[in-house]
C-alpha atoms as a PDB file:
ATOM      1  CA  UNK A   1    -130.025-132.981  92.456  1.00  0.00           C
ATOM      2  CA  UNK A   2    -131.599-134.935  89.587  1.00  0.00           C
ATOM      3  CA  UNK A   3    -129.815-137.927  88.068  1.00  0.00           C
ATOM      4  CA  UNK A   4    -129.433-138.252  84.320  1.00  0.00           C
ATOM      5  CA  UNK A   5    -131.008-141.707  84.640  1.00  0.00           C
ATOM      6  CA  UNK A   6    -133.570-142.645  87.274  1.00  0.00           C
ATOM      7  CA  UNK A   7    -134.558-146.245  87.997  1.00  0.00           C
ATOM      8  CA  UNK A   8    -137.392-147.604  90.094  1.00  0.00           C
ATOM      9  CA  UNK A   9    -140.838-146.178  90.586  1.00  0.00           C
ATOM     10  CA  UNK A  10    -141.625-143.616  93.249  1.00  0.00           C
ATOM     11  CA  UNK A  11    -144.802-144.257  95.206  1.00  0.00           C
ATOM     12  CA  UNK A  12    -147.239-141.348  94.990  1.00  0.00           C
ATOM     13  CA  UNK A  13    -147.316-139.056  98.011  1.00  0.00           C
ATOM     14  CA  UNK A  14    -144.087-140.544  99.399  1.00  0.00           C
ATOM     15  CA  UNK A  15    -141.028-138.432 100.126  1.00  0.00           C
ATOM     16  CA  UNK A  16    -137.816-140.217  99.194  1.00  0.00           C
ATOM     17  CA  UNK A  17    -134.650-139.287 101.044  1.00  0.00           C
ATOM     18  CA  UNK A  18    -131.888-138.441  98.578  1.00  0.00           C
ATOM     19  CA  UNK A  19    -129.048-140.763  99.579  1.00  0.00           C
ATOM     20  CA  UNK A  20    -125.636-140.084  97.987  1.00  0.00           C
ATOM     21  CA  UNK A  21    -124.169-143.504  97.233  1.00  0.00           C
ATOM     22  CA  UNK A  22    -121.461-145.284  95.279  1.00  0.00           C
ATOM     23  CA  UNK A  23    -121.133-148.810  93.896  1.00  0.00           C
ATOM     24  CA  UNK A  24    -118.278-150.732  92.356  1.00  0.00           C
ATOM     25  CA  UNK A  25    -117.602-153.206  89.606  1.00  0.00           C
ATOM     26  CA  UNK A  26    -114.616-155.474  90.253  1.00  0.00           C
ATOM     27  CA  UNK A  27    -113.829-158.249  87.799  1.00  0.00           C
ATOM     28  CA  UNK A  28    -111.780-161.406  88.353  1.00  0.00           C
ATOM     29  CA  UNK A  29    -111.584-164.493  86.131  1.00  0.00           C
ATOM     30  CA  UNK A  30    -114.340-163.065  83.903  1.00  0.00           C
ATOM     31  CA  UNK A  31    -116.743-162.716  86.832  1.00  0.00           C
ATOM     32  CA  UNK A  32    -118.010-159.698  88.748  1.00  0.00           C
ATOM     33  CA  UNK A  33    -117.920-159.246  92.520  1.00  0.00           C
ATOM     34  CA  UNK A  34    -121.408-159.079  94.012  1.00  0.00           C
ATOM     35  CA  UNK A  35    -122.768-159.407  97.516  1.00  0.00           C
ATOM     36  CA  UNK A  36    -125.486-161.846  98.462  1.00  0.00           C
ATOM     37  CA  UNK A  37    -127.437-160.197 101.246  1.00  0.00           C
ATOM     38  CA  UNK A  38    -129.321-162.603 103.496  1.00  0.00           C
ATOM     39  CA  UNK A  39    -132.198-160.754 105.097  1.00  0.00           C
ATOM     40  CA  UNK A  40    -135.916-161.675 104.974  1.00  0.00           C
ATOM     41  CA  UNK A  41    -135.614-162.419 101.264  1.00  0.00           C
ATOM     42  CA  UNK A  42    -132.024-162.862 100.014  1.00  0.00           C
ATOM     43  CA  UNK A  43    -130.886-160.666  97.130  1.00  0.00           C
ATOM     44  CA  UNK A  44    -127.776-159.656  95.180  1.00  0.00           C
ATOM     45  CA  UNK A  45    -126.268-156.166  95.046  1.00  0.00           C
ATOM     46  CA  UNK A  46    -123.100-154.621  93.742  1.00  0.00           C
ATOM     47  CA  UNK A  47    -120.767-153.821  96.640  1.00  0.00           C
ATOM     48  CA  UNK A  48    -121.188-150.244  97.799  1.00  0.00           C
ATOM     49  CA  UNK A  49    -123.599-148.016  99.619  1.00  0.00           C
ATOM     50  CA  UNK A  50    -124.124-144.641 101.225  1.00  0.00           C
ATOM     51  CA  UNK A  51    -121.457-141.962 101.276  1.00  0.00           C
ATOM     52  CA  UNK A  52    -120.768-140.914 104.881  1.00  0.00           C
ATOM     53  CA  UNK A  53    -120.147-137.287 105.883  1.00  0.00           C
ATOM     54  CA  UNK A  54    -117.388-135.637 103.866  1.00  0.00           C
ATOM     55  CA  UNK A  55    -116.264-138.817 102.090  1.00  0.00           C
ATOM     56  CA  UNK A  56    -115.574-138.702  98.386  1.00  0.00           C
ATOM     57  CA  UNK A  57    -117.034-141.409  96.170  1.00  0.00           C
ATOM     58  CA  UNK A  58    -113.664-143.227  95.955  1.00  0.00           C
ATOM     59  CA  UNK A  59    -113.212-143.091  99.750  1.00  0.00           C
ATOM     60  CA  UNK A  60    -116.727-144.434 100.348  1.00  0.00           C
ATOM     61  CA  UNK A  61    -116.221-147.183  97.772  1.00  0.00           C
ATOM     62  CA  UNK A  62    -113.024-148.361  99.468  1.00  0.00           C
ATOM     63  CA  UNK A  63    -114.775-148.411 102.871  1.00  0.00           C
ATOM     64  CA  UNK A  64    -117.918-150.148 101.607  1.00  0.00           C
ATOM     65  CA  UNK A  65    -115.988-152.898  99.791  1.00  0.00           C
ATOM     66  CA  UNK A  66    -113.985-153.623 102.932  1.00  0.00           C
ATOM     67  CA  UNK A  67    -117.084-153.656 105.184  1.00  0.00           C
ATOM     68  CA  UNK A  68    -119.193-155.823 102.865  1.00  0.00           C
ATOM     69  CA  UNK A  69    -116.604-158.212 101.384  1.00  0.00           C
ATOM     70  CA  UNK A  70    -113.248-157.882 103.163  1.00  0.00           C
ATOM     71  CA  UNK A  71    -111.796-156.763  99.832  1.00  0.00           C
ATOM     72  CA  UNK A  72    -109.393-153.845  99.484  1.00  0.00           C
ATOM     73  CA  UNK A  73    -109.942-152.046  96.184  1.00  0.00           C
ATOM     74  CA  UNK A  74    -108.544-149.149  94.213  1.00  0.00           C
ATOM     75  CA  UNK A  75    -111.212-147.115  92.369  1.00  0.00           C
ATOM     76  CA  UNK A  76    -110.077-146.568  88.777  1.00  0.00           C
ATOM     77  CA  UNK A  77    -112.781-145.056  86.596  1.00  0.00           C
ATOM     78  CA  UNK A  78    -116.264-143.630  87.186  1.00  0.00           C
ATOM     79  CA  UNK A  79    -118.295-145.113  84.345  1.00  0.00           C
ATOM     80  CA  UNK A  80    -121.861-144.090  85.152  1.00  0.00           C
ATOM     81  CA  UNK A  81    -124.293-142.275  87.419  1.00  0.00           C
ATOM     82  CA  UNK A  82    -127.897-143.149  88.164  1.00  0.00           C
ATOM     83  CA  UNK A  83    -130.636-142.900  90.754  1.00  0.00           C
ATOM     84  CA  UNK A  84    -132.589-145.840  92.209  1.00  0.00           C
ATOM     85  CA  UNK A  85    -135.840-145.483  94.144  1.00  0.00           C
ATOM     86  CA  UNK A  86    -136.330-148.256  96.692  1.00  0.00           C
ATOM     87  CA  UNK A  87    -137.211-148.983 100.297  1.00  0.00           C
ATOM     88  CA  UNK A  88    -134.473-149.956 102.717  1.00  0.00           C
ATOM     89  CA  UNK A  89    -134.880-153.089 104.835  1.00  0.00           C
ATOM     90  CA  UNK A  90    -136.431-150.925 107.583  1.00  0.00           C
ATOM     91  CA  UNK A  91    -139.028-149.626 105.087  1.00  0.00           C
ATOM     92  CA  UNK A  92    -137.529-146.140 104.730  1.00  0.00           C
ATOM     93  CA  UNK A  93    -137.997-144.760 101.189  1.00  0.00           C
ATOM     94  CA  UNK A  94    -134.722-143.599  99.646  1.00  0.00           C
ATOM     95  CA  UNK A  95    -133.354-142.614  96.269  1.00  0.00           C
ATOM     96  CA  UNK A  96    -129.757-143.812  95.961  1.00  0.00           C
ATOM     97  CA  UNK A  97    -127.992-141.327  93.731  1.00  0.00           C
ATOM     98  CA  UNK A  98    -124.406-141.756  92.780  1.00  0.00           C
ATOM     99  CA  UNK A  99    -121.628-143.166  90.735  1.00  0.00           C
ATOM    100  CA  UNK A 100    -120.660-146.572  89.507  1.00  0.00           C
ATOM    101  CA  UNK A 101    -116.924-147.201  89.441  1.00  0.00           C
ATOM    102  CA  UNK A 102    -114.624-149.778  87.933  1.00  0.00           C
ATOM    103  CA  UNK A 103    -112.239-150.790  90.707  1.00  0.00           C
ATOM    104  CA  UNK A 104    -109.192-153.012  90.985  1.00  0.00           C
ATOM    105  CA  UNK A 105    -108.976-155.780  93.581  1.00  0.00           C
ATOM    106  CA  UNK A 106    -105.823-155.291  95.654  1.00  0.00           C
ATOM    107  CA  UNK A 107    -106.329-157.784  98.486  1.00  0.00           C
ATOM    108  CA  UNK A 108    -108.946-160.017 100.051  1.00  0.00           C
ATOM    109  CA  UNK A 109    -109.091-160.621 103.798  1.00  0.00           C
ATOM    110  CA  UNK A 110    -112.486-162.042 104.847  1.00  0.00           C
ATOM    111  CA  UNK A 111    -111.627-161.340 108.503  1.00  0.00           C
ATOM    112  CA  UNK A 112    -111.934-157.596 107.757  1.00  0.00           C
ATOM    113  CA  UNK A 113    -115.564-157.928 106.609  1.00  0.00           C
ATOM    114  CA  UNK A 114    -117.950-156.446 109.193  1.00  0.00           C
ATOM    115  CA  UNK A 115    -121.410-156.959 107.657  1.00  0.00           C
ATOM    116  CA  UNK A 116    -122.417-160.473 108.701  1.00  0.00           C
ATOM    117  CA  UNK A 117    -125.401-160.622 106.329  1.00  0.00           C
ATOM    118  CA  UNK A 118    -123.242-159.864 103.247  1.00  0.00           C
ATOM    119  CA  UNK A 119    -121.411-162.635 101.384  1.00  0.00           C
ATOM    120  CA  UNK A 120    -118.982-162.044  98.518  1.00  0.00           C
ATOM    121  CA  UNK A 121    -120.025-164.006  95.437  1.00  0.00           C
ATOM    122  CA  UNK A 122    -118.569-163.959  91.941  1.00  0.00           C
ATOM    123  CA  UNK A 123    -121.197-163.965  89.185  1.00  0.00           C
ATOM    124  CA  UNK A 124    -120.826-164.098  85.441  1.00  0.00           C
ATOM    125  CA  UNK A 125    -121.821-160.592  84.234  1.00  0.00           C
ATOM    126  CA  UNK A 126    -124.785-161.951  82.259  1.00  0.00           C
ATOM    127  CA  UNK A 127    -126.019-163.767  85.361  1.00  0.00           C
ATOM    128  CA  UNK A 128    -125.601-160.557  87.350  1.00  0.00           C
ATOM    129  CA  UNK A 129    -127.841-158.749  84.842  1.00  0.00           C
ATOM    130  CA  UNK A 130    -130.788-160.901  85.850  1.00  0.00           C
ATOM    131  CA  UNK A 131    -129.947-161.470  89.529  1.00  0.00           C
ATOM    132  CA  UNK A 132    -129.079-157.972  90.792  1.00  0.00           C
ATOM    133  CA  UNK A 133    -131.857-156.456  92.892  1.00  0.00           C
ATOM    134  CA  UNK A 134    -131.660-152.931  91.485  1.00  0.00           C
ATOM    135  CA  UNK A 135    -132.175-152.021  87.846  1.00  0.00           C
ATOM    136  CA  UNK A 136    -129.526-149.299  88.211  1.00  0.00           C
ATOM    137  CA  UNK A 137    -126.953-151.956  89.154  1.00  0.00           C
ATOM    138  CA  UNK A 138    -127.901-154.176  86.200  1.00  0.00           C
ATOM    139  CA  UNK A 139    -127.724-151.151  83.896  1.00  0.00           C
ATOM    140  CA  UNK A 140    -124.184-150.347  85.112  1.00  0.00           C
ATOM    141  CA  UNK A 141    -123.115-153.937  84.387  1.00  0.00           C
ATOM    142  CA  UNK A 142    -124.736-153.742  80.932  1.00  0.00           C
ATOM    143  CA  UNK A 143    -122.956-150.453  80.272  1.00  0.00           C
ATOM    144  CA  UNK A 144    -119.646-152.122  81.120  1.00  0.00           C
ATOM    145  CA  UNK A 145    -120.446-155.147  78.905  1.00  0.00           C
ATOM    146  CA  UNK A 146    -121.130-152.838  75.941  1.00  0.00           C
ATOM    147  CA  UNK A 147    -117.855-150.922  76.245  1.00  0.00           C
END
């Protein structure tokens, strides 16, 4: 499977695991939901991640938002698809390939968040453009801004 748009640079002679994934854009008070991940070097991502087993993109998006932020969402519209080469925190080379969805915030219950190193933060979309770790995520935000 080859994405229409591919971000990142693949290292020569490195096999990248194709990782079906999904990420979401949720807006509130003119800001976008992001997660600040505090690992060795903190970074910002859009909420989302790998699709597990037989999940659909909307099912995975609902699960990932809840795990990372405690937010319950309803996926509304798939606005983009892209690939992103990168190395996971354990060093494994992967190519995230999947959709970017606009989603609606239904509820927020921080007690339901399970990923301790993820913190929900609300960024102005233009700030998100420069702060998001992955170019594919920034591109999805830019695509939404240009609608």
